[in-house]
Each structure stands twice: as C-alpha cells, then as structure tokens.
Amino acid sequence: MKKLFILCVCLVMLVACAQNKQPEDYPQTVELQSHASKKVSNDLSIRFNSVLEDSRCPTGAQCAWEGNAEILLELSGGDLETVHLNTGAQFPRTEVYNGYVITLEDLKPHPTEGVAVQESDYTAVLSIDLEAEETSVP
C-alpha cells in the first residue's frame, strides 16, 4: 500500500511538472505555414487559419506607407479563441492568451511587384513568450 501511495505521488508530481510553463523555454519563435497547426505546449496550440489582407508595399515599388498584412489565428488550450494579428505598427500585433504573449513578427514572403502570392505560400513568424507575472507593491 505504501508503494502504491509513493507511486501515485510521483505520478502526480510528474504530470504537474510536465504541464508547467518552463521560463527557460521562452521566448521561442514558431513558423507556421498557412492552414497549419502547432502544439506549443500542453496549454497552447496555434492554427494559422488565413491571410485576411496583404497591402504591404511590394519590394521594388515606391509607396506612401509601408502597408499592412493581417492574419487570422485560432488559439486553443484554454477557451477556443480567434484573433487577428497584423504586421503594421499601427495595428494590433500581439495577443495575450492563457498566460502566453503571442506576437506576429513577420509574414513571409514579402510581396514583390508583379508577383502574385498564393495563400498556401504564406508563413507566419510568431514570437511566443510567457506573460509577465504581476508583482504587487506593498
């Protein structure tokens, strides 16, 4: 009976350790092709659903502004959430979800003047970090 109790305690500790977010594993960079999914951890999976807009200034063109690309991600591991992230600095690039900070760092390929990009050609470059724990000041 004592051995069974010790075994149960060890199993509970092992499962608890496996589910903890290990700070040394973050930040990390994840590259996702269009319509692909990645399980980042036990409590975070990301699916790159689609490119909603790509109005970035093409390479080889002169533009009045840099433009923007907007993507749609599906986040799961807690409540299912759909989020829009952008490449343009004046638009939301970051989402906090289930203790993680997810930032769209880049969307590849960058448009080139006269070359059409198919949705299946896109790759989202995401930075995943742990949300900073709030510290209370006495």
N, C-alpha and C. Protein backbone atom coordinates (compact mmCIF):
# COMPACT_ATOMS: atom_id res chain seq x y z
N MET A 1 0.82 -1.19 0.00
CA MET A 1 0.00 0.00 0.00
C MET A 1 0.87 1.26 0.00
N LYS A 2 1.97 1.20 0.77
CA LYS A 2 2.86 2.35 0.85
C LYS A 2 3.51 2.62 -0.51
N LYS A 3 3.88 1.53 -1.22
CA LYS A 3 4.49 1.68 -2.54
C LYS A 3 3.50 2.29 -3.52
N LEU A 4 2.25 1.90 -3.43
CA LEU A 4 1.22 2.45 -4.31
C LEU A 4 1.05 3.94 -4.05
N PHE A 5 1.04 4.32 -2.79
CA PHE A 5 0.91 5.74 -2.43
C PHE A 5 2.09 6.54 -2.99
N ILE A 6 3.30 6.04 -2.82
CA ILE A 6 4.50 6.73 -3.32
C ILE A 6 4.44 6.83 -4.85
N LEU A 7 4.01 5.77 -5.50
CA LEU A 7 3.89 5.78 -6.96
C LEU A 7 2.87 6.84 -7.40
N CYS A 8 1.75 6.92 -6.72
CA CYS A 8 0.73 7.92 -7.06
C CYS A 8 1.26 9.34 -6.88
N VAL A 9 1.96 9.58 -5.78
CA VAL A 9 2.54 10.90 -5.54
C VAL A 9 3.54 11.25 -6.64
N CYS A 10 4.38 10.30 -7.01
CA CYS A 10 5.37 10.54 -8.08
C CYS A 10 4.68 10.85 -9.41
N LEU A 11 3.61 10.12 -9.72
CA LEU A 11 2.89 10.37 -10.96
C LEU A 11 2.25 11.76 -10.97
N VAL A 12 1.65 12.15 -9.87
CA VAL A 12 1.05 13.48 -9.77
C VAL A 12 2.12 14.55 -9.96
N MET A 13 3.27 14.39 -9.34
CA MET A 13 4.35 15.38 -9.48
C MET A 13 4.86 15.42 -10.91
N LEU A 14 4.98 14.27 -11.55
CA LEU A 14 5.46 14.21 -12.93
C LEU A 14 4.50 14.93 -13.86
N VAL A 15 3.22 14.69 -13.71
CA VAL A 15 2.21 15.35 -14.54
C VAL A 15 2.22 16.85 -14.28
N ALA A 16 2.31 17.26 -13.04
CA ALA A 16 2.33 18.69 -12.71
C ALA A 16 3.55 19.37 -13.31
N CYS A 17 4.69 18.74 -13.25
CA CYS A 17 5.91 19.33 -13.82
C CYS A 17 5.82 19.41 -15.34
N ALA A 18 5.23 18.41 -15.97
CA ALA A 18 5.13 18.40 -17.43
C ALA A 18 4.22 19.50 -17.93
N GLN A 19 3.23 19.91 -17.14
CA GLN A 19 2.28 20.91 -17.58
C GLN A 19 2.71 22.33 -17.24
N ASN A 20 3.70 22.50 -16.40
CA ASN A 20 4.16 23.84 -16.06
C ASN A 20 4.85 24.48 -17.24
N LYS A 21 4.68 25.78 -17.35
CA LYS A 21 5.39 26.54 -18.37
C LYS A 21 6.79 26.79 -17.86
N GLN A 22 7.77 26.31 -18.57
CA GLN A 22 9.16 26.44 -18.15
C GLN A 22 9.73 27.74 -18.71
N PRO A 23 10.05 28.72 -17.86
CA PRO A 23 10.55 30.01 -18.34
C PRO A 23 11.77 29.91 -19.24
N GLU A 24 12.60 28.90 -19.03
CA GLU A 24 13.80 28.78 -19.85
C GLU A 24 13.47 28.38 -21.30
N ASP A 25 12.24 27.92 -21.55
CA ASP A 25 11.82 27.55 -22.90
C ASP A 25 11.31 28.74 -23.72
N TYR A 26 11.25 29.91 -23.10
CA TYR A 26 10.66 31.09 -23.74
C TYR A 26 11.60 32.27 -23.64
N PRO A 27 11.55 33.22 -24.55
CA PRO A 27 10.67 33.24 -25.72
C PRO A 27 11.13 32.23 -26.77
N GLN A 28 10.20 31.85 -27.61
CA GLN A 28 10.53 30.97 -28.72
C GLN A 28 9.87 31.49 -29.99
N THR A 29 10.46 31.13 -31.12
CA THR A 29 9.93 31.54 -32.42
C THR A 29 9.28 30.33 -33.07
N VAL A 30 8.09 30.55 -33.60
CA VAL A 30 7.34 29.49 -34.28
C VAL A 30 7.02 29.98 -35.68
N GLU A 31 7.31 29.16 -36.68
CA GLU A 31 6.93 29.46 -38.06
C GLU A 31 5.83 28.50 -38.47
N LEU A 32 4.71 29.08 -38.92
CA LEU A 32 3.55 28.28 -39.32
C LEU A 32 3.17 28.60 -40.76
N GLN A 33 3.06 27.58 -41.58
CA GLN A 33 2.56 27.78 -42.93
C GLN A 33 1.05 27.97 -42.86
N SER A 34 0.51 28.61 -43.88
CA SER A 34 -0.93 28.84 -43.95
C SER A 34 -1.68 27.52 -43.79
N HIS A 35 -2.70 27.54 -42.94
CA HIS A 35 -3.58 26.40 -42.63
C HIS A 35 -2.91 25.31 -41.81
N ALA A 36 -1.73 25.58 -41.27
CA ALA A 36 -1.03 24.59 -40.43
C ALA A 36 -1.28 24.88 -38.95
N SER A 37 -1.07 23.87 -38.12
CA SER A 37 -1.23 23.99 -36.67
C SER A 37 0.06 23.56 -35.99
N LYS A 38 0.24 24.06 -34.77
CA LYS A 38 1.40 23.66 -33.96
C LYS A 38 0.97 23.65 -32.50
N LYS A 39 1.31 22.55 -31.83
CA LYS A 39 1.11 22.47 -30.38
C LYS A 39 2.38 23.00 -29.74
N VAL A 40 2.28 24.18 -29.12
CA VAL A 40 3.44 24.83 -28.50
C VAL A 40 3.70 24.22 -27.13
N SER A 41 2.62 23.93 -26.40
CA SER A 41 2.73 23.34 -25.06
C SER A 41 1.42 22.62 -24.76
N ASN A 42 1.31 22.07 -23.56
CA ASN A 42 0.07 21.39 -23.17
C ASN A 42 -1.12 22.33 -23.13
N ASP A 43 -0.87 23.63 -22.93
CA ASP A 43 -1.98 24.58 -22.83
C ASP A 43 -1.95 25.66 -23.90
N LEU A 44 -1.29 25.38 -25.04
CA LEU A 44 -1.32 26.32 -26.17
C LEU A 44 -1.08 25.59 -27.49
N SER A 45 -2.09 25.68 -28.35
CA SER A 45 -1.97 25.24 -29.74
C SER A 45 -2.38 26.41 -30.61
N ILE A 46 -1.69 26.56 -31.75
CA ILE A 46 -1.95 27.68 -32.65
C ILE A 46 -2.22 27.13 -34.04
N ARG A 47 -3.26 27.65 -34.68
CA ARG A 47 -3.55 27.33 -36.08
C ARG A 47 -3.56 28.63 -36.87
N PHE A 48 -2.81 28.65 -37.97
CA PHE A 48 -2.76 29.80 -38.88
C PHE A 48 -3.88 29.58 -39.89
N ASN A 49 -5.04 30.22 -39.66
CA ASN A 49 -6.22 29.98 -40.50
C ASN A 49 -6.13 30.63 -41.87
N SER A 50 -5.78 31.93 -41.91
CA SER A 50 -5.79 32.60 -43.22
C SER A 50 -5.11 33.95 -43.16
N VAL A 51 -4.83 34.46 -44.36
CA VAL A 51 -4.36 35.84 -44.54
C VAL A 51 -5.60 36.64 -44.94
N LEU A 52 -5.98 37.61 -44.11
CA LEU A 52 -7.17 38.41 -44.39
C LEU A 52 -6.87 39.57 -45.32
N GLU A 53 -5.63 40.06 -45.26
CA GLU A 53 -5.24 41.22 -46.06
C GLU A 53 -3.73 41.22 -46.19
N ASP A 54 -3.24 41.62 -47.35
CA ASP A 54 -1.81 41.87 -47.51
C ASP A 54 -1.65 43.08 -48.42
N SER A 55 -1.59 44.24 -47.79
CA SER A 55 -1.44 45.50 -48.52
C SER A 55 -0.05 46.10 -48.31
N ARG A 56 0.92 45.23 -47.93
CA ARG A 56 2.27 45.73 -47.71
C ARG A 56 2.87 46.23 -49.02
N CYS A 57 3.68 47.26 -48.91
CA CYS A 57 4.32 47.84 -50.08
C CYS A 57 5.24 46.79 -50.71
N PRO A 58 5.02 46.44 -51.98
CA PRO A 58 5.85 45.42 -52.62
C PRO A 58 7.30 45.86 -52.78
N THR A 59 8.19 44.90 -52.71
CA THR A 59 9.60 45.14 -53.00
C THR A 59 9.69 45.65 -54.43
N GLY A 60 10.44 46.72 -54.63
CA GLY A 60 10.59 47.30 -55.96
C GLY A 60 9.61 48.41 -56.26
N ALA A 61 8.68 48.68 -55.34
CA ALA A 61 7.71 49.75 -55.54
C ALA A 61 7.99 50.89 -54.57
N GLN A 62 7.53 52.09 -54.93
CA GLN A 62 7.61 53.23 -54.02
C GLN A 62 6.20 53.49 -53.52
N CYS A 63 6.04 53.47 -52.20
CA CYS A 63 4.71 53.60 -51.60
C CYS A 63 4.71 54.74 -50.58
N ALA A 64 3.52 55.31 -50.36
CA ALA A 64 3.37 56.38 -49.39
C ALA A 64 3.45 55.84 -47.96
N TRP A 65 3.10 54.58 -47.75
CA TRP A 65 3.21 53.96 -46.43
C TRP A 65 3.58 52.50 -46.59
N GLU A 66 4.03 51.89 -45.49
CA GLU A 66 4.53 50.51 -45.55
C GLU A 66 3.46 49.47 -45.78
N GLY A 67 2.20 49.80 -45.50
CA GLY A 67 1.11 48.85 -45.66
C GLY A 67 0.97 47.93 -44.46
N ASN A 68 0.12 46.92 -44.61
CA ASN A 68 -0.17 46.02 -43.50
C ASN A 68 -0.59 44.66 -44.04
N ALA A 69 -0.23 43.64 -43.30
CA ALA A 69 -0.76 42.30 -43.55
C ALA A 69 -1.48 41.87 -42.28
N GLU A 70 -2.67 41.30 -42.44
CA GLU A 70 -3.48 40.86 -41.31
C GLU A 70 -3.76 39.37 -41.46
N ILE A 71 -3.51 38.63 -40.38
CA ILE A 71 -3.76 37.19 -40.41
C ILE A 71 -4.78 36.81 -39.33
N LEU A 72 -5.37 35.65 -39.51
CA LEU A 72 -6.34 35.11 -38.57
C LEU A 72 -5.75 33.85 -37.96
N LEU A 73 -5.62 33.85 -36.62
CA LEU A 73 -5.11 32.69 -35.89
C LEU A 73 -6.22 32.12 -35.02
N GLU A 74 -6.16 30.82 -34.80
CA GLU A 74 -7.05 30.14 -33.86
C GLU A 74 -6.17 29.62 -32.72
N LEU A 75 -6.47 30.06 -31.50
CA LEU A 75 -5.70 29.67 -30.32
C LEU A 75 -6.55 28.72 -29.49
N SER A 76 -5.94 27.63 -29.04
CA SER A 76 -6.65 26.69 -28.19
C SER A 76 -5.72 26.16 -27.12
N GLY A 77 -6.33 25.54 -26.12
CA GLY A 77 -5.58 25.05 -24.96
C GLY A 77 -6.28 25.51 -23.70
N GLY A 78 -7.03 26.56 -23.83
CA GLY A 78 -7.96 27.06 -22.82
C GLY A 78 -9.27 27.17 -23.58
N ASP A 79 -9.94 28.30 -23.47
CA ASP A 79 -11.10 28.54 -24.32
C ASP A 79 -10.61 28.78 -25.74
N LEU A 80 -11.34 28.27 -26.72
CA LEU A 80 -11.00 28.49 -28.12
C LEU A 80 -11.17 29.97 -28.44
N GLU A 81 -10.16 30.57 -29.05
CA GLU A 81 -10.20 32.00 -29.36
C GLU A 81 -9.65 32.23 -30.76
N THR A 82 -10.32 33.10 -31.51
CA THR A 82 -9.86 33.50 -32.83
C THR A 82 -9.35 34.93 -32.72
N VAL A 83 -8.14 35.18 -33.23
CA VAL A 83 -7.54 36.51 -33.10
C VAL A 83 -6.99 36.98 -34.44
N HIS A 84 -6.96 38.30 -34.59
CA HIS A 84 -6.40 38.95 -35.77
C HIS A 84 -5.08 39.59 -35.34
N LEU A 85 -4.00 39.30 -36.05
CA LEU A 85 -2.71 39.94 -35.79
C LEU A 85 -2.23 40.58 -37.08
N ASN A 86 -1.44 41.65 -36.93
CA ASN A 86 -1.01 42.47 -38.06
C ASN A 86 0.49 42.68 -38.06
N THR A 87 1.01 43.04 -39.25
CA THR A 87 2.43 43.39 -39.36
C THR A 87 2.65 44.88 -39.17
N GLY A 88 1.65 45.69 -39.47
CA GLY A 88 1.78 47.15 -39.38
C GLY A 88 1.86 47.61 -37.94
N ALA A 89 2.76 48.55 -37.68
CA ALA A 89 2.99 49.04 -36.31
C ALA A 89 1.76 49.72 -35.71
N GLN A 90 0.89 50.27 -36.53
CA GLN A 90 -0.28 50.98 -36.01
C GLN A 90 -1.48 50.06 -35.76
N PHE A 91 -1.30 48.77 -35.98
CA PHE A 91 -2.36 47.79 -35.78
C PHE A 91 -1.92 46.77 -34.72
N PRO A 92 -2.88 46.04 -34.12
CA PRO A 92 -2.52 45.05 -33.10
C PRO A 92 -1.63 43.94 -33.66
N ARG A 93 -0.47 43.76 -33.06
CA ARG A 93 0.49 42.72 -33.46
C ARG A 93 0.57 41.61 -32.42
N THR A 94 0.04 41.87 -31.22
CA THR A 94 0.24 40.98 -30.08
C THR A 94 -1.09 40.61 -29.45
N GLU A 95 -1.17 39.37 -28.98
CA GLU A 95 -2.34 38.88 -28.26
C GLU A 95 -1.86 38.13 -27.02
N VAL A 96 -2.52 38.37 -25.89
CA VAL A 96 -2.23 37.62 -24.67
C VAL A 96 -3.31 36.56 -24.54
N TYR A 97 -2.87 35.31 -24.39
CA TYR A 97 -3.81 34.19 -24.33
C TYR A 97 -3.29 33.13 -23.37
N ASN A 98 -4.08 32.80 -22.37
CA ASN A 98 -3.80 31.66 -21.49
C ASN A 98 -2.39 31.71 -20.87
N GLY A 99 -1.93 32.93 -20.55
CA GLY A 99 -0.61 33.08 -19.93
C GLY A 99 0.54 33.24 -20.91
N TYR A 100 0.23 33.33 -22.20
CA TYR A 100 1.25 33.49 -23.24
C TYR A 100 1.06 34.82 -23.96
N VAL A 101 2.16 35.38 -24.44
CA VAL A 101 2.13 36.58 -25.27
C VAL A 101 2.55 36.13 -26.67
N ILE A 102 1.63 36.28 -27.63
CA ILE A 102 1.86 35.83 -29.00
C ILE A 102 1.96 37.07 -29.88
N THR A 103 3.09 37.21 -30.59
CA THR A 103 3.34 38.39 -31.42
C THR A 103 3.64 37.95 -32.85
N LEU A 104 2.98 38.61 -33.81
CA LEU A 104 3.31 38.38 -35.22
C LEU A 104 4.55 39.19 -35.55
N GLU A 105 5.67 38.51 -35.78
CA GLU A 105 6.94 39.17 -36.09
C GLU A 105 7.09 39.46 -37.58
N ASP A 106 6.56 38.55 -38.41
CA ASP A 106 6.72 38.71 -39.85
C ASP A 106 5.72 37.81 -40.56
N LEU A 107 5.42 38.16 -41.79
CA LEU A 107 4.63 37.31 -42.67
C LEU A 107 5.44 37.17 -43.96
N LYS A 108 5.81 35.93 -44.28
CA LYS A 108 6.61 35.66 -45.47
C LYS A 108 5.74 35.00 -46.52
N PRO A 109 5.99 35.20 -47.79
CA PRO A 109 7.00 36.10 -48.36
C PRO A 109 6.49 37.53 -48.39
N HIS A 110 7.42 38.45 -48.45
CA HIS A 110 7.05 39.85 -48.62
C HIS A 110 6.62 40.03 -50.08
N PRO A 111 5.56 40.81 -50.34
CA PRO A 111 5.12 40.99 -51.73
C PRO A 111 6.23 41.58 -52.60
N THR A 112 6.25 41.13 -53.84
CA THR A 112 7.16 41.66 -54.85
C THR A 112 6.31 42.19 -55.99
N GLU A 113 6.67 43.35 -56.48
CA GLU A 113 5.91 43.98 -57.55
C GLU A 113 5.77 43.02 -58.74
N GLY A 114 4.51 42.81 -59.19
CA GLY A 114 4.24 41.98 -60.35
C GLY A 114 4.18 40.49 -60.09
N VAL A 115 4.36 40.05 -58.83
CA VAL A 115 4.34 38.62 -58.50
C VAL A 115 3.18 38.35 -57.53
N ALA A 116 2.28 37.47 -57.94
CA ALA A 116 1.14 37.12 -57.08
C ALA A 116 1.57 36.09 -56.04
N VAL A 117 1.09 36.27 -54.82
CA VAL A 117 1.38 35.31 -53.74
C VAL A 117 0.10 34.52 -53.46
N GLN A 118 0.20 33.21 -53.52
CA GLN A 118 -0.93 32.35 -53.20
C GLN A 118 -1.03 32.19 -51.68
N GLU A 119 -2.24 32.02 -51.18
CA GLU A 119 -2.44 31.87 -49.73
C GLU A 119 -1.59 30.73 -49.17
N SER A 120 -1.45 29.66 -49.91
CA SER A 120 -0.69 28.50 -49.43
C SER A 120 0.81 28.78 -49.33
N ASP A 121 1.27 29.88 -49.93
CA ASP A 121 2.70 30.24 -49.89
C ASP A 121 3.10 30.98 -48.62
N TYR A 122 2.12 31.47 -47.86
CA TYR A 122 2.42 32.31 -46.70
C TYR A 122 2.92 31.49 -45.51
N THR A 123 3.84 32.10 -44.77
CA THR A 123 4.32 31.56 -43.49
C THR A 123 4.31 32.69 -42.47
N ALA A 124 3.65 32.46 -41.34
CA ALA A 124 3.63 33.43 -40.25
C ALA A 124 4.78 33.12 -39.30
N VAL A 125 5.53 34.16 -38.94
CA VAL A 125 6.61 34.03 -37.97
C VAL A 125 6.10 34.64 -36.66
N LEU A 126 5.94 33.80 -35.65
CA LEU A 126 5.37 34.22 -34.37
C LEU A 126 6.40 34.11 -33.26
N SER A 127 6.35 35.06 -32.35
CA SER A 127 7.15 35.00 -31.13
C SER A 127 6.20 34.63 -30.00
N ILE A 128 6.57 33.61 -29.23
CA ILE A 128 5.76 33.15 -28.10
C ILE A 128 6.57 33.38 -26.83
N ASP A 129 5.99 34.10 -25.89
CA ASP A 129 6.65 34.36 -24.61
C ASP A 129 5.64 34.15 -23.49
N LEU A 130 6.14 34.03 -22.29
CA LEU A 130 5.26 33.92 -21.13
C LEU A 130 4.81 35.31 -20.72
N GLU A 131 3.55 35.40 -20.31
CA GLU A 131 3.03 36.67 -19.81
C GLU A 131 3.73 36.99 -18.50
N ALA A 132 4.16 38.23 -18.36
CA ALA A 132 4.85 38.64 -17.13
C ALA A 132 3.89 38.54 -15.96
N GLU A 133 4.39 37.98 -14.87
CA GLU A 133 3.57 37.89 -13.67
C GLU A 133 3.54 39.25 -13.00
N GLU A 134 2.34 39.64 -12.58
CA GLU A 134 2.21 40.93 -11.90
C GLU A 134 2.75 40.79 -10.49
N THR A 135 3.52 41.78 -10.09
CA THR A 135 4.02 41.80 -8.72
C THR A 135 3.35 42.94 -7.99
N SER A 136 2.89 42.66 -6.81
CA SER A 136 2.22 43.71 -6.04
C SER A 136 3.25 44.43 -5.17
N VAL A 137 3.10 45.73 -5.13
CA VAL A 137 4.00 46.55 -4.32
C VAL A 137 3.30 46.81 -2.99
N PRO A 138 3.98 46.47 -1.87
CA PRO A 138 3.32 46.67 -0.57
C PRO A 138 3.14 48.12 -0.23
